Amino acid sequence: MTWQGSGEAQASRDDGTACEDRELPILHAKDYAAQSVFAPEALLREARRQKGLALLPVPDICVLDPDGDIVRHLKRTGAGRLHEGWACYHTELLTFDLDGVGRVGIVGCAVGASFAVLVAEQLFASGCELLISVTSAGRISERGPTPYFVLIDRALRDEGTSYHYLPPAVFAEAPDLDLIARAEHALSSLEGIVVHRGATWTTDAPYRETPAAIEAARARNVLAVEMEAAALYAFAAARRCPVLCFAHVTTGLAQSEGDFEKGEADGVTASLAVILAAAMAILRT
């Protein structure tokens, strides 16, 4: 089968005529103040019923680990335990002890904006009080040799999920800048771990990171590209839930052999140090 199109796309109505932006499904019929008919609490209730699970809250602090490196490390070392009340149909929740913080929950491999927010909705409906996301990312603007972390304070909205939570805008801003500032201060004292604060580009299509798209992101002072932050911050703003997003910049977009190196233990040691420092800074208030 071959595609005979011109290579250019134009939004169209069912009858083939061009439509205005406001008619596009991603922007049309959005009532941002309305409650959803389908709620995470309802799904979790039915999942618990079907699976025979007890109603047990998740830890106050939870982590999203889209790459799954931390989760695999916890399983390999025996440091993680399955949470017996986590009723999600699509993931498992491990708990582990983080020195100085206590019991922490973690979900691995929730990759992409929609999956990350689906899990975030369910975590906060289950008792989570702070969510920290640490995802791998590709370098857009030069900030020295990789790997390093970006404390994300805003994310370019090149995905779909954020538009269901907030009206259209170029960036999803971190809704609690005081949270960002406290984390930034704590992270500045980490030894051997570089953390920059700045913007990322959130995309649903990592294999469509074209030269034009990369240059457009770089022109907006974006540091890295990832797949979750814009949606998580839009969710956080709409639901008034504390969320902190980090990008672990490990690759120059795979332009050379040996890319994707995260450092010691696949980056787990550094990622846990970042999570601990940020969590402790927030808990002290």
Protein backbone atom coordinates (compact mmCIF):
# COMPACT_ATOMS: atom_id res chain seq x y z
CA MET A 1 0.00 0.00 0.00
CA THR A 2 1.33 3.44 -0.86
CA TRP A 3 0.29 6.86 0.39
CA GLN A 4 -0.48 9.34 -2.36
CA GLY A 5 -0.88 12.44 -0.19
CA SER A 6 1.05 15.66 -0.66
CA GLY A 7 2.89 15.37 2.68
CA GLU A 8 0.93 18.29 4.09
CA ALA A 9 -2.05 17.87 6.41
CA GLN A 10 -5.04 20.14 6.93
CA ALA A 11 -7.78 19.76 9.51
CA SER A 12 -11.12 19.04 7.85
CA ARG A 13 -14.75 18.46 8.73
CA ASP A 14 -16.57 15.21 8.00
CA ASP A 15 -17.53 16.61 4.61
CA GLY A 16 -13.89 17.31 3.76
CA THR A 17 -13.98 21.10 4.12
CA ALA A 18 -11.39 22.91 6.20
CA CYS A 19 -12.35 23.68 9.80
CA GLU A 20 -11.35 26.35 12.29
CA ASP A 21 -9.05 25.49 15.19
CA ARG A 22 -11.90 25.88 17.66
CA GLU A 23 -13.76 23.04 15.91
CA LEU A 24 -10.95 20.53 16.33
CA PRO A 25 -11.94 17.73 18.76
CA ILE A 26 -8.91 18.39 20.98
CA LEU A 27 -10.20 21.94 21.57
CA HIS A 28 -13.96 21.58 21.08
CA ALA A 29 -16.64 21.02 23.75
CA LYS A 30 -14.30 21.41 26.70
CA ASP A 31 -15.86 22.51 30.01
CA TYR A 32 -12.84 22.84 32.27
CA ALA A 33 -14.91 23.48 35.40
CA ALA A 34 -17.12 20.41 34.94
CA GLN A 35 -16.66 17.12 36.77
CA SER A 36 -15.93 14.07 34.64
CA VAL A 37 -18.72 11.49 34.39
CA PHE A 38 -16.05 8.78 34.64
CA ALA A 39 -14.01 9.26 37.82
CA PRO A 40 -10.88 7.48 39.09
CA GLU A 41 -12.63 6.69 42.38
CA ALA A 42 -15.28 4.71 40.49
CA LEU A 43 -12.72 2.68 38.57
CA LEU A 44 -10.74 1.93 41.72
CA ARG A 45 -13.94 0.91 43.57
CA GLU A 46 -14.86 -1.59 40.88
CA ALA A 47 -11.31 -2.89 40.56
CA ARG A 48 -11.14 -3.52 44.31
CA ARG A 49 -14.47 -5.34 44.14
CA GLN A 50 -13.40 -7.52 41.23
CA LYS A 51 -9.96 -8.28 42.66
CA GLY A 52 -11.07 -8.66 46.27
CA LEU A 53 -8.68 -5.96 47.50
CA ALA A 54 -8.84 -4.11 50.78
CA LEU A 55 -9.23 -0.32 50.83
CA LEU A 56 -5.65 0.65 51.74
CA PRO A 57 -4.18 4.11 51.15
CA VAL A 58 -1.01 4.50 49.14
CA PRO A 59 2.03 6.24 50.72
CA ASP A 60 1.90 10.02 51.08
CA ILE A 61 4.78 10.39 48.61
CA CYS A 62 4.68 8.52 45.32
CA VAL A 63 6.99 8.42 42.31
CA LEU A 64 6.45 7.90 38.61
CA ASP A 65 9.37 6.03 37.01
CA PRO A 66 8.50 5.92 33.28
CA ASP A 67 11.73 4.14 32.31
CA GLY A 68 11.28 1.54 35.06
CA ASP A 69 14.95 1.58 36.11
CA ILE A 70 14.22 2.29 39.78
CA VAL A 71 11.45 -0.32 39.91
CA ARG A 72 13.69 -2.96 38.34
CA HIS A 73 16.44 -2.10 40.86
CA LEU A 74 14.01 -2.43 43.77
CA LYS A 75 12.82 -5.81 42.55
CA ARG A 76 16.34 -7.04 41.85
CA THR A 77 17.60 -6.06 45.31
CA GLY A 78 14.45 -7.13 47.15
CA ALA A 79 13.94 -3.61 48.53
CA GLY A 80 10.47 -3.13 47.07
CA ARG A 81 7.18 -4.68 48.21
CA LEU A 82 3.94 -4.85 46.27
CA HIS A 83 1.23 -2.61 47.69
CA GLU A 84 -1.64 -4.95 48.52
CA GLY A 85 -4.39 -2.39 48.01
CA TRP A 86 -3.35 -0.83 44.69
CA ALA A 87 -6.33 -1.43 42.42
CA CYS A 88 -5.07 -0.09 39.08
CA TYR A 89 -5.82 -2.40 36.15
CA HIS A 90 -2.69 -1.42 34.24
CA THR A 91 0.16 -1.08 36.73
CA GLU A 92 1.58 -2.37 39.98
CA LEU A 93 2.65 -0.17 42.87
CA LEU A 94 5.79 -0.99 44.81
CA THR A 95 6.62 0.54 48.16
CA PHE A 96 10.12 1.03 49.56
CA ASP A 97 11.85 2.85 52.39
CA LEU A 98 13.64 6.10 51.55
CA ASP A 99 15.96 7.26 54.32
CA GLY A 100 14.68 10.40 55.99
CA VAL A 101 11.32 10.24 54.25
CA GLY A 102 9.85 6.87 55.16
CA ARG A 103 7.67 4.67 52.98
CA VAL A 104 7.39 5.77 49.34
CA GLY A 105 5.25 4.35 46.54
CA ILE A 106 6.50 3.95 42.98
CA VAL A 107 4.91 3.02 39.64
CA GLY A 108 7.15 2.02 36.76
CA CYS A 109 6.81 2.23 32.99
CA ALA A 110 3.83 4.63 32.85
CA VAL A 111 5.22 6.18 29.67
CA GLY A 112 3.61 9.12 27.94
CA ALA A 113 1.26 11.92 28.88
CA SER A 114 -2.06 10.07 28.97
CA PHE A 115 -0.72 7.04 30.86
CA ALA A 116 1.14 9.20 33.40
CA VAL A 117 -1.96 11.27 34.16
CA LEU A 118 -4.20 8.19 34.34
CA VAL A 119 -1.90 6.83 37.05
CA ALA A 120 -1.59 10.24 38.75
CA GLU A 121 -5.38 10.56 38.98
CA GLN A 122 -5.59 7.15 40.64
CA LEU A 123 -2.69 7.79 43.01
CA PHE A 124 -4.21 10.99 44.36
CA ALA A 125 -7.62 9.31 44.60
CA SER A 126 -5.87 6.64 46.71
CA GLY A 127 -4.24 8.94 49.26
CA CYS A 128 -1.10 10.30 47.58
CA GLU A 129 -0.17 13.80 48.78
CA LEU A 130 2.93 14.48 46.65
CA LEU A 131 3.86 13.01 43.27
CA ILE A 132 7.38 13.18 41.85
CA SER A 133 8.08 12.14 38.26
CA VAL A 134 11.60 11.35 37.01
CA THR A 135 11.70 10.58 33.30
CA SER A 136 14.54 10.22 30.83
CA ALA A 137 14.85 12.98 28.26
CA GLY A 138 16.73 14.03 25.16
CA ARG A 139 18.92 17.11 25.11
CA ILE A 140 17.58 20.09 23.14
CA SER A 141 19.78 22.96 24.38
CA GLU A 142 23.40 22.44 25.34
CA ARG A 143 24.03 22.45 29.10
CA GLY A 144 27.24 20.47 29.31
CA PRO A 145 27.92 16.75 29.21
CA THR A 146 25.14 14.31 30.00
CA PRO A 147 23.78 12.86 32.21
CA TYR A 148 22.20 15.66 34.24
CA PHE A 149 18.74 16.53 35.55
CA VAL A 150 16.31 19.30 34.71
CA LEU A 151 13.93 20.50 37.40
CA ILE A 152 11.03 21.31 35.09
CA ASP A 153 9.26 24.60 35.78
CA ARG A 154 7.21 24.61 32.57
CA ALA A 155 6.63 22.28 29.63
CA LEU A 156 5.75 22.91 26.00
CA ARG A 157 2.31 21.41 25.34
CA ASP A 158 2.91 19.26 22.27
CA GLU A 159 0.71 16.41 23.52
CA GLY A 160 -3.02 15.85 23.88
CA THR A 161 -3.82 15.20 27.52
CA SER A 162 -3.16 18.69 28.88
CA TYR A 163 -5.88 20.16 26.64
CA HIS A 164 -8.50 18.19 28.54
CA TYR A 165 -7.44 19.82 31.83
CA LEU A 166 -6.53 23.42 30.91
CA PRO A 167 -7.43 25.86 28.12
CA PRO A 168 -4.96 26.06 25.22
CA ALA A 169 -1.60 27.72 25.92
CA VAL A 170 1.96 27.27 24.70
CA PHE A 171 3.31 26.00 28.03
CA ALA A 172 1.97 24.16 31.04
CA GLU A 173 3.52 25.98 33.99
CA ALA A 174 4.38 24.25 37.24
CA PRO A 175 1.40 25.38 39.32
CA ASP A 176 3.34 25.79 42.59
CA LEU A 177 6.50 27.82 42.02
CA ASP A 178 7.24 27.79 45.75
CA LEU A 179 7.47 24.00 45.50
CA ILE A 180 9.89 24.40 42.61
CA ALA A 181 11.98 26.97 44.50
CA ARG A 182 12.28 24.80 47.62
CA ALA A 183 13.30 21.79 45.55
CA GLU A 184 15.81 23.87 43.58
CA HIS A 185 17.43 25.11 46.78
CA ALA A 186 17.74 21.59 48.20
CA LEU A 187 19.10 20.14 44.97
CA SER A 188 21.83 22.78 44.73
CA SER A 189 23.70 21.09 47.58
CA LEU A 190 23.87 17.63 45.99
CA GLU A 191 27.43 16.51 45.32
CA GLY A 192 28.28 15.08 41.92
CA ILE A 193 24.76 15.57 40.52
CA VAL A 194 24.03 18.45 38.16
CA VAL A 195 20.50 19.88 38.21
CA HIS A 196 19.33 22.71 35.96
CA ARG A 197 15.98 24.45 36.29
CA GLY A 198 14.09 25.17 33.09
CA ALA A 199 11.60 24.23 30.41
CA THR A 200 11.08 21.00 28.53
CA TRP A 201 9.13 19.98 25.45
CA THR A 202 6.50 17.29 26.05
CA THR A 203 5.65 15.29 22.94
CA ASP A 204 3.41 12.31 22.25
CA ALA A 205 5.51 11.33 19.23
CA PRO A 206 9.19 10.76 20.04
CA TYR A 207 9.88 9.46 16.55
CA ARG A 208 8.61 12.73 15.05
CA GLU A 209 11.26 14.91 16.66
CA THR A 210 12.12 16.53 13.34
CA PRO A 211 14.81 19.19 12.80
CA ALA A 212 12.14 21.87 12.47
CA ALA A 213 10.41 20.81 15.69
CA ILE A 214 13.71 20.68 17.57
CA GLU A 215 14.71 24.15 16.37
CA ALA A 216 11.29 25.54 17.32
CA ALA A 217 11.67 24.13 20.84
CA ARG A 218 15.22 25.44 21.12
CA ALA A 219 14.03 28.91 20.09
CA ARG A 220 11.72 28.85 23.14
CA ASN A 221 14.69 28.12 25.45
CA VAL A 222 13.63 24.52 25.98
CA LEU A 223 16.33 22.37 27.58
CA ALA A 224 15.11 18.83 26.86
CA VAL A 225 12.35 16.73 25.34
CA GLU A 226 10.28 14.20 27.29
CA MET A 227 6.78 12.69 27.23
CA GLU A 228 4.90 13.46 30.46
CA ALA A 229 5.52 16.83 32.17
CA ALA A 230 3.07 19.13 30.35
CA ALA A 231 0.17 16.80 31.05
CA LEU A 232 1.19 16.21 34.66
CA TYR A 233 1.44 19.95 35.34
CA ALA A 234 -1.89 20.62 33.64
CA PHE A 235 -3.45 17.89 35.78
CA ALA A 236 -1.75 19.33 38.89
CA ALA A 237 -3.10 22.82 38.18
CA ALA A 238 -6.62 21.63 37.42
CA ARG A 239 -6.84 19.24 40.38
CA ARG A 240 -4.71 21.33 42.76
CA CYS A 241 -2.43 18.40 43.45
CA PRO A 242 1.28 18.86 44.22
CA VAL A 243 3.38 17.41 41.39
CA LEU A 244 7.09 17.85 40.74
CA CYS A 245 8.63 16.78 37.42
CA PHE A 246 12.26 16.04 36.61
CA ALA A 247 13.88 15.20 33.30
CA HIS A 248 16.97 13.00 33.44
CA VAL A 249 18.83 14.13 30.34
CA THR A 250 20.76 11.14 29.09
CA THR A 251 20.88 11.45 25.32
CA GLY A 252 21.60 13.84 22.50
CA LEU A 253 18.60 12.31 20.66
CA ALA A 254 20.62 9.15 19.87
CA GLN A 255 22.79 10.95 17.34
CA SER A 256 25.91 9.03 18.35
CA GLU A 257 26.75 5.52 19.48
CA GLY A 258 26.81 5.15 23.26
CA ASP A 259 23.89 7.49 23.88
CA PHE A 260 21.36 6.82 26.66
CA GLU A 261 23.98 6.24 29.37
CA LYS A 262 22.52 7.27 32.74
CA GLY A 263 25.48 6.70 34.99
CA GLU A 264 25.89 4.42 38.01
CA ALA A 265 23.26 1.66 38.31
CA ASP A 266 21.40 2.93 35.23
CA GLY A 267 20.94 6.27 36.94
CA VAL A 268 19.09 4.81 39.93
CA THR A 269 21.56 6.14 42.51
CA ALA A 270 21.34 9.70 41.18
CA SER A 271 17.57 9.56 40.67
CA LEU A 272 16.95 8.42 44.24
CA ALA A 273 19.22 11.17 45.55
CA VAL A 274 17.22 13.76 43.60
CA ILE A 275 13.90 12.33 44.83
CA LEU A 276 15.15 12.28 48.44
CA ALA A 277 16.45 15.85 48.38
CA ALA A 278 13.28 17.21 46.79
CA ALA A 279 10.97 15.27 49.09
CA MET A 280 12.81 16.30 52.25
CA ALA A 281 12.78 19.96 51.21
CA ILE A 282 9.02 19.82 50.73
CA LEU A 283 8.33 17.83 53.90
CA ARG A 284 10.23 20.36 56.04
CA THR A 285 7.59 23.02 55.42
